Amino acid sequence: MKKKKKTLITDYLLECERQSSTASNKKIKNYFYSIVKNENFIQEIKRLREKYCIPLAGFKHSQPSLESSKDPSPSYQLVHNRGIYIDIEGFVIPPKSYDYLKYRKLREEIYLLCKELNLYPLDFEDIIALFIFYDYITFPLFNNAYNLCRTQNLKSHNEDGDLIGSEADKDEDEFYPIALRISPYASLRDIIEYIKAMYKPTIKPMLDYYKKEDVKLGKIRLRKKQERNDYIWKNRNLPAEKLADLVNKKFYPKGNGLFYFDTNRIISLEKKRRSEK
């Protein structure tokens, strides 16, 4: 049986699937499903549909998909003189025949609704718009979404946003450019699972981008017995047997210490190592 050839799309989908298996992701989705069943939310959706001339049961799914939609992840298309349309599983938002100016005003209300419901707008605006237009719920495949934690590139964000901060703020962005934002509703398990799920697809690429090749931070390992070796080097002019005795009393009080020829060998190795600096 032939193995399926891996592509960027399949890798992306696999990572999204991995993230959707975390407890944090399930909490977010369960929270949203509970909101959808709430009578206040149902009445709000009804009000928005009436106000913006959308059928009370939503539009029928008869809209053609965007031509650029070739994979299960959402695709976007900029239509000249109108705006951006999104295709989620063949559902186009807004429908091509819908008044785009009216859609923009609806979008503003959806944003405020997300804030009121304690839903992160970047994750849920499209989901709620999809529900309003088509009475359909799905979670589009986005990396770093629907979680109680988020990874953010602070340095890039501040540069793009042209934010002006203190020198201390700029230093923090320089030395700690990647931030992990944590919801107050996240548990320790949520945080650990999020980091495990996001490290490979999101966190590590950000870390690698900012690493400088000439900085050896994290690559230098002091030997566990370096303190002992430093002590031997400092006292290298003592008679070998006396030095071995002092080393054993200080570092091997329970026995299994060194012999004089061991200390002589360590002095020789330290001499070579120190001359190479």
Protein backbone atom coordinates (compact mmCIF):
# COMPACT_ATOMS: atom_id res chain seq x y z
CA MET A 1 0.00 0.00 0.00
CA LYS A 2 1.44 3.36 -1.03
CA LYS A 3 2.04 5.95 1.65
CA LYS A 4 0.32 9.27 1.19
CA LYS A 5 2.73 11.99 0.17
CA LYS A 6 3.11 14.67 2.81
CA THR A 7 2.38 18.25 1.81
CA LEU A 8 2.39 21.59 3.59
CA ILE A 9 -1.41 21.38 3.74
CA THR A 10 -1.46 17.90 5.32
CA ASP A 11 1.23 18.93 7.82
CA TYR A 12 -0.81 22.01 8.70
CA LEU A 13 -3.99 19.97 9.14
CA LEU A 14 -2.18 17.43 11.31
CA GLU A 15 -0.89 20.18 13.59
CA CYS A 16 -4.37 21.73 13.83
CA GLU A 17 -5.82 18.31 14.67
CA ARG A 18 -3.17 17.87 17.35
CA GLN A 19 -4.10 21.20 18.92
CA SER A 20 -7.81 20.33 18.87
CA SER A 21 -7.12 17.33 21.11
CA THR A 22 -5.99 19.47 24.07
CA ALA A 23 -8.17 19.99 27.14
CA SER A 24 -7.95 23.75 26.59
CA ASN A 25 -9.38 23.46 23.08
CA LYS A 26 -12.25 21.27 24.30
CA LYS A 27 -13.05 23.76 27.08
CA ILE A 28 -13.33 26.62 24.58
CA LYS A 29 -15.56 24.66 22.21
CA ASN A 30 -17.80 23.34 25.01
CA TYR A 31 -18.14 26.90 26.29
CA PHE A 32 -19.21 28.13 22.86
CA TYR A 33 -21.73 25.30 22.37
CA SER A 34 -23.28 26.17 25.74
CA ILE A 35 -23.59 29.81 24.61
CA VAL A 36 -25.34 28.78 21.37
CA LYS A 37 -28.02 26.98 23.42
CA ASN A 38 -28.56 29.98 25.69
CA GLU A 39 -31.91 31.75 25.13
CA ASN A 40 -30.33 35.23 25.31
CA PHE A 41 -27.90 34.32 22.54
CA ILE A 42 -30.68 32.82 20.41
CA GLN A 43 -32.68 36.04 20.74
CA GLU A 44 -29.63 38.15 19.87
CA ILE A 45 -29.01 36.14 16.70
CA LYS A 46 -32.68 36.56 15.78
CA ARG A 47 -32.41 40.34 16.34
CA LEU A 48 -29.30 40.61 14.16
CA ARG A 49 -30.88 38.58 11.35
CA GLU A 50 -33.99 40.79 11.36
CA LYS A 51 -31.95 44.00 11.53
CA TYR A 52 -29.61 43.02 8.67
CA CYS A 53 -32.21 41.41 6.38
CA ILE A 54 -31.05 37.81 6.82
CA PRO A 55 -33.64 34.98 6.76
CA LEU A 56 -34.56 33.92 10.31
CA ALA A 57 -33.31 30.40 9.57
CA GLY A 58 -30.29 31.71 7.66
CA PHE A 59 -29.53 31.48 3.95
CA LYS A 60 -29.70 28.14 2.21
CA HIS A 61 -26.30 26.74 1.31
CA SER A 62 -26.53 27.44 -2.39
CA GLN A 63 -23.72 29.98 -2.68
CA PRO A 64 -20.79 29.02 -4.94
CA SER A 65 -17.46 28.54 -3.21
CA LEU A 66 -14.58 30.92 -3.85
CA GLU A 67 -12.37 29.84 -6.74
CA SER A 68 -9.32 29.95 -4.45
CA SER A 69 -10.77 27.36 -2.04
CA LYS A 70 -8.64 24.25 -2.65
CA ASP A 71 -8.16 22.82 0.85
CA PRO A 72 -10.14 22.36 4.07
CA SER A 73 -8.60 25.41 5.75
CA PRO A 74 -10.44 28.75 5.27
CA SER A 75 -9.54 30.78 2.19
CA TYR A 76 -9.89 34.49 1.61
CA GLN A 77 -10.53 36.48 -1.54
CA LEU A 78 -10.31 40.22 -1.97
CA VAL A 79 -13.03 41.43 -4.33
CA HIS A 80 -12.18 44.79 -5.93
CA ASN A 81 -14.28 47.73 -4.69
CA ARG A 82 -16.13 45.51 -2.24
CA GLY A 83 -14.07 43.75 0.41
CA ILE A 84 -12.79 40.44 1.68
CA TYR A 85 -14.86 37.27 1.40
CA ILE A 86 -14.09 34.12 3.37
CA ASP A 87 -14.86 30.56 2.32
CA ILE A 88 -15.35 28.08 5.18
CA GLU A 89 -16.15 24.57 3.98
CA GLY A 90 -17.89 26.01 0.93
CA PHE A 91 -19.92 28.59 2.89
CA VAL A 92 -19.05 32.08 1.64
CA ILE A 93 -19.18 34.97 4.11
CA PRO A 94 -20.91 37.20 3.30
CA PRO A 95 -22.99 35.63 0.52
CA LYS A 96 -21.94 37.12 -2.82
CA SER A 97 -25.40 38.69 -3.31
CA TYR A 98 -25.41 40.31 0.14
CA ASP A 99 -24.89 44.08 0.65
CA TYR A 100 -21.24 44.39 1.73
CA LEU A 101 -21.71 47.73 3.54
CA LYS A 102 -24.46 46.10 5.60
CA TYR A 103 -22.06 43.21 6.32
CA ARG A 104 -19.45 45.62 7.68
CA LYS A 105 -21.95 47.04 10.16
CA LEU A 106 -23.00 43.52 11.14
CA ARG A 107 -19.36 42.64 11.65
CA GLU A 108 -18.99 45.50 14.14
CA GLU A 109 -21.88 44.12 16.17
CA ILE A 110 -20.41 40.61 16.04
CA TYR A 111 -17.15 41.98 17.43
CA LEU A 112 -18.97 43.59 20.38
CA LEU A 113 -20.95 40.39 20.93
CA CYS A 114 -17.70 38.38 21.15
CA LYS A 115 -16.37 40.79 23.77
CA GLU A 116 -19.61 40.56 25.75
CA LEU A 117 -19.50 36.75 25.69
CA ASN A 118 -15.80 36.62 26.64
CA LEU A 119 -14.90 35.03 23.29
CA TYR A 120 -11.66 36.07 21.59
CA PRO A 121 -12.88 38.02 18.50
CA LEU A 122 -10.04 36.88 16.25
CA ASP A 123 -11.12 33.27 16.81
CA PHE A 124 -14.89 33.66 16.90
CA GLU A 125 -15.99 36.52 14.61
CA ASP A 126 -16.00 34.26 11.53
CA ILE A 127 -17.70 31.43 13.45
CA ILE A 128 -20.55 33.65 14.63
CA ALA A 129 -20.88 35.28 11.19
CA LEU A 130 -21.16 31.79 9.67
CA PHE A 131 -23.87 30.89 12.19
CA ILE A 132 -25.83 34.10 11.53
CA PHE A 133 -25.75 33.69 7.74
CA TYR A 134 -26.19 29.92 7.43
CA ASP A 135 -27.28 28.60 10.86
CA TYR A 136 -24.20 26.35 10.73
CA ILE A 137 -21.41 25.84 13.25
CA THR A 138 -17.88 24.67 12.53
CA PHE A 139 -14.42 25.59 13.74
CA PRO A 140 -12.20 26.67 10.83
CA LEU A 141 -8.71 25.17 10.82
CA PHE A 142 -6.41 27.87 12.11
CA ASN A 143 -3.06 27.41 13.78
CA ASN A 144 -2.78 28.84 17.32
CA ALA A 145 -6.56 29.19 17.72
CA TYR A 146 -9.34 28.15 20.14
CA ASN A 147 -7.13 27.81 23.19
CA LEU A 148 -6.77 29.34 26.64
CA CYS A 149 -3.21 30.34 25.71
CA ARG A 150 -1.73 32.18 22.75
CA THR A 151 1.79 32.61 21.43
CA GLN A 152 2.67 36.12 20.30
CA ASN A 153 5.68 37.58 18.54
CA LEU A 154 5.97 40.76 20.62
CA LYS A 155 8.90 42.25 18.75
CA SER A 156 7.22 41.90 15.36
CA HIS A 157 3.86 43.07 16.78
CA ASN A 158 5.34 46.25 18.27
CA GLU A 159 7.36 47.04 15.15
CA ASP A 160 4.36 46.53 12.86
CA GLY A 161 2.13 48.54 15.17
CA ASP A 162 4.72 51.32 15.36
CA LEU A 163 4.36 51.35 19.14
CA ILE A 164 6.59 53.68 21.11
CA GLY A 165 7.71 52.36 24.49
CA SER A 166 10.43 52.98 27.03
CA GLU A 167 13.96 51.70 26.55
CA ALA A 168 13.21 49.01 29.13
CA ASP A 169 10.21 47.88 27.05
CA LYS A 170 12.36 47.75 23.91
CA ASP A 171 15.03 45.76 25.75
CA GLU A 172 12.39 43.27 26.89
CA ASP A 173 11.19 42.85 23.31
CA GLU A 174 14.82 42.41 22.17
CA PHE A 175 15.73 39.72 24.71
CA TYR A 176 12.30 38.13 25.19
CA PRO A 177 10.58 38.56 21.78
CA ILE A 178 8.16 35.64 22.14
CA ALA A 179 5.31 35.84 24.66
CA LEU A 180 2.90 33.24 25.96
CA ARG A 181 -0.44 34.87 26.75
CA ILE A 182 -2.48 32.93 29.30
CA SER A 183 -6.20 33.21 29.96
CA PRO A 184 -7.14 33.53 33.66
CA TYR A 185 -9.32 30.44 33.07
CA ALA A 186 -6.37 28.24 32.04
CA SER A 187 -5.23 25.44 34.34
CA LEU A 188 -1.67 24.13 34.68
CA ARG A 189 -2.65 21.19 32.48
CA ASP A 190 -4.06 23.56 29.82
CA ILE A 191 -0.80 25.52 29.74
CA ILE A 192 1.46 22.46 29.55
CA GLU A 193 -0.67 20.80 26.85
CA TYR A 194 -0.75 24.03 24.84
CA ILE A 195 3.04 24.37 24.89
CA LYS A 196 3.49 20.73 23.87
CA ALA A 197 1.01 21.10 20.99
CA MET A 198 2.29 24.48 19.78
CA TYR A 199 6.05 24.11 20.28
CA LYS A 200 6.81 22.46 16.94
CA PRO A 201 4.46 24.37 14.57
CA THR A 202 4.54 27.83 16.15
CA ILE A 203 6.88 28.44 19.08
CA LYS A 204 10.09 26.83 17.78
CA PRO A 205 10.00 28.61 14.36
CA MET A 206 9.68 31.94 16.23
CA LEU A 207 12.57 31.04 18.53
CA ASP A 208 14.77 29.95 15.62
CA TYR A 209 14.04 33.20 13.76
CA TYR A 210 15.50 35.32 16.56
CA LYS A 211 18.45 33.11 17.49
CA LYS A 212 21.86 34.56 16.66
CA GLU A 213 24.40 32.04 15.37
CA ASP A 214 27.31 33.57 17.28
CA VAL A 215 25.56 33.45 20.67
CA LYS A 216 26.43 30.25 22.54
CA LEU A 217 23.82 30.74 25.26
CA GLY A 218 22.31 27.38 26.13
CA LYS A 219 25.04 25.48 24.28
CA ILE A 220 27.73 25.68 26.97
CA ARG A 221 27.55 22.92 29.57
CA LEU A 222 29.71 23.02 32.69
CA ARG A 223 30.71 19.53 33.76
CA LYS A 224 29.03 18.30 36.91
CA LYS A 225 32.42 17.76 38.52
CA GLN A 226 33.88 21.09 37.46
CA GLU A 227 33.82 22.44 41.04
CA ARG A 228 35.93 19.47 42.10
CA ASN A 229 38.31 19.97 39.20
CA ASP A 230 38.66 23.67 40.01
CA TYR A 231 39.55 22.75 43.58
CA ILE A 232 42.18 20.27 42.39
CA TRP A 233 43.67 22.84 40.02
CA LYS A 234 43.78 25.48 42.73
CA ASN A 235 45.71 23.10 45.01
CA ARG A 236 47.79 21.40 42.29
CA ASN A 237 51.11 22.24 44.00
CA LEU A 238 50.32 20.09 47.03
CA PRO A 239 51.78 16.58 47.23
CA ALA A 240 49.62 14.22 45.17
CA GLU A 241 48.57 11.93 48.03
CA LYS A 242 47.73 14.86 50.34
CA LEU A 243 45.70 16.52 47.58
CA ALA A 244 43.77 13.29 46.95
CA ASP A 245 43.02 13.03 50.66
CA LEU A 246 41.68 16.63 50.79
CA VAL A 247 39.53 16.05 47.70
CA ASN A 248 38.00 12.90 49.15
CA LYS A 249 37.15 14.62 52.45
CA LYS A 250 35.50 17.55 50.65
CA PHE A 251 33.75 15.83 47.73
CA TYR A 252 33.51 12.15 48.69
CA PRO A 253 32.71 12.03 52.41
CA LYS A 254 30.87 8.71 51.97
CA GLY A 255 33.75 6.99 50.18
CA ASN A 256 34.43 5.91 46.58
CA GLY A 257 36.84 8.83 46.13
CA LEU A 258 39.95 9.46 44.05
CA PHE A 259 43.46 8.11 44.14
CA TYR A 260 46.55 10.31 43.73
CA PHE A 261 46.93 9.24 40.07
CA ASP A 262 43.33 10.41 39.46
CA THR A 263 44.15 13.91 40.70
CA ASN A 264 47.34 13.95 38.59
CA ARG A 265 45.29 13.04 35.50
CA ILE A 266 42.73 15.78 36.24
CA ILE A 267 45.51 18.36 36.69
CA SER A 268 46.90 17.36 33.30
CA LEU A 269 43.48 17.66 31.63
CA GLU A 270 42.77 21.02 33.29
CA LYS A 271 46.14 22.37 32.19
CA LYS A 272 45.35 21.46 28.59
CA ARG A 273 41.80 22.84 28.77
CA ARG A 274 42.87 26.14 30.31
CA SER A 275 45.69 26.67 27.79
CA GLU A 276 43.15 26.39 24.94
CA LYS A 277 41.06 29.38 26.17
